[in-house]
């Protein structure tokens, strides 16, 4: 071989799986809740209002969250699962962190 081997990677292998611009699992859960409100509760004005609010503002919020991080829910679940191993606060008995001078003498 003359140079390093190059292999093209298709864009669909690296792009996150989104549905309507939001995370697929969260959109499906949102749609399931909307369907449960409409068909389970009935076509009452209150359930229609909440379903319309979830369909518009809920999906808007999911799209905004996916714009910041397309895997936000997975990262959050992993964060919650690791709380037993890595607590977010220091212990009361913890020694103070060392302070290093920024300019050497």
Protein backbone atom coordinates (compact mmCIF):
# COMPACT_ATOMS: atom_id res chain seq x y z
CA UNK A 1 0.00 0.00 0.00
CA UNK A 2 1.09 3.50 -0.77
CA UNK A 3 -0.58 5.36 2.11
CA UNK A 4 -2.98 4.87 4.98
CA UNK A 5 -6.11 2.93 4.20
CA UNK A 6 -9.29 5.02 4.12
CA UNK A 7 -12.74 3.60 4.58
CA UNK A 8 -15.81 5.79 4.06
CA UNK A 9 -18.33 5.79 6.92
CA UNK A 10 -21.94 6.41 5.98
CA UNK A 11 -23.55 9.39 7.73
CA UNK A 12 -26.46 7.28 8.98
CA UNK A 13 -24.05 5.30 11.17
CA UNK A 14 -22.99 8.36 13.14
CA UNK A 15 -26.18 10.45 13.19
CA UNK A 16 -28.45 10.03 16.25
CA UNK A 17 -31.85 8.37 15.80
CA UNK A 18 -34.39 11.19 16.12
CA UNK A 19 -38.10 11.29 15.42
CA UNK A 20 -39.39 14.72 14.46
CA UNK A 21 -36.17 16.27 15.71
CA UNK A 22 -36.45 14.78 19.23
CA UNK A 23 -35.31 11.56 20.86
CA UNK A 24 -37.26 8.63 19.50
CA UNK A 25 -38.05 6.96 22.83
CA UNK A 26 -39.26 10.17 24.44
CA UNK A 27 -41.44 11.07 21.44
CA UNK A 28 -43.05 7.63 21.53
CA UNK A 29 -43.65 7.94 25.29
CA UNK A 30 -45.15 11.40 24.76
CA UNK A 31 -47.41 10.07 22.01
CA UNK A 32 -48.50 7.16 24.19
CA UNK A 33 -49.47 9.54 27.00
CA UNK A 34 -51.39 11.71 24.53
CA UNK A 35 -53.24 8.67 23.15
CA UNK A 36 -54.03 7.47 26.68
CA UNK A 37 -55.46 10.89 27.53
CA UNK A 38 -57.59 11.00 24.41
CA UNK A 39 -58.89 7.43 24.32
CA UNK A 40 -58.66 6.45 27.99
CA UNK A 41 -60.15 9.54 29.61
CA UNK A 42 -62.41 10.40 26.74
CA UNK A 43 -62.90 13.46 24.61
CA UNK A 44 -63.51 15.78 27.53
CA UNK A 45 -62.41 19.41 27.16
CA UNK A 46 -59.81 19.08 29.95
CA UNK A 47 -58.18 15.98 28.48
CA UNK A 48 -58.21 17.56 25.02
CA UNK A 49 -56.49 20.65 26.42
CA UNK A 50 -53.80 18.64 28.22
CA UNK A 51 -53.26 16.42 25.16
CA UNK A 52 -52.91 19.47 22.90
CA UNK A 53 -50.49 21.05 25.36
CA UNK A 54 -48.38 17.87 25.47
CA UNK A 55 -48.46 17.56 21.69
CA UNK A 56 -47.26 21.11 21.10
CA UNK A 57 -45.24 22.28 24.08
CA UNK A 58 -44.07 18.79 25.01
CA UNK A 59 -42.65 18.07 21.57
CA UNK A 60 -41.17 21.56 21.42
CA UNK A 61 -39.36 20.93 24.70
CA UNK A 62 -38.14 17.53 23.52
CA UNK A 63 -36.78 19.11 20.34
CA UNK A 64 -34.97 21.80 22.33
CA UNK A 65 -33.43 19.17 24.60
CA UNK A 66 -32.32 17.08 21.62
CA UNK A 67 -30.79 20.20 20.10
CA UNK A 68 -28.50 20.48 23.12
CA UNK A 69 -27.73 16.75 23.38
CA UNK A 70 -29.38 14.07 21.20
CA UNK A 71 -28.77 11.41 23.87
CA UNK A 72 -29.88 13.43 26.88
CA UNK A 73 -32.21 10.81 28.39
CA UNK A 74 -29.61 8.04 28.18
CA UNK A 75 -27.00 10.24 29.83
CA UNK A 76 -29.45 11.22 32.57
CA UNK A 77 -30.36 7.58 33.28
CA UNK A 78 -26.68 6.66 33.46
CA UNK A 79 -26.09 9.60 35.81
CA UNK A 80 -28.88 8.40 38.11
CA UNK A 81 -27.57 4.82 38.04
CA UNK A 82 -24.06 5.95 39.05
CA UNK A 83 -25.19 8.03 42.02
CA UNK A 84 -24.53 5.14 44.44
CA UNK A 85 -20.92 4.88 43.28
CA UNK A 86 -20.03 8.53 42.72
CA UNK A 87 -21.94 10.83 45.05
CA UNK A 88 -22.18 14.44 43.93
CA UNK A 89 -21.11 15.92 47.26
CA UNK A 90 -17.96 15.75 49.30
CA UNK A 91 -17.88 14.10 52.70
CA UNK A 92 -17.72 16.22 55.85
CA UNK A 93 -14.38 14.63 56.77
CA UNK A 94 -12.83 15.29 53.37
CA UNK A 95 -9.56 17.23 53.46
CA UNK A 96 -9.49 20.53 51.58
CA UNK A 97 -8.32 20.37 48.00
CA UNK A 98 -4.69 21.31 47.44
CA UNK A 99 -4.07 24.77 46.01
CA UNK A 100 -1.23 25.00 43.54
CA UNK A 101 0.37 28.33 42.66
CA UNK A 102 -0.33 29.48 39.15
CA UNK A 103 3.03 31.23 38.79
CA UNK A 104 6.22 29.54 39.91
CA UNK A 105 8.63 31.52 42.08
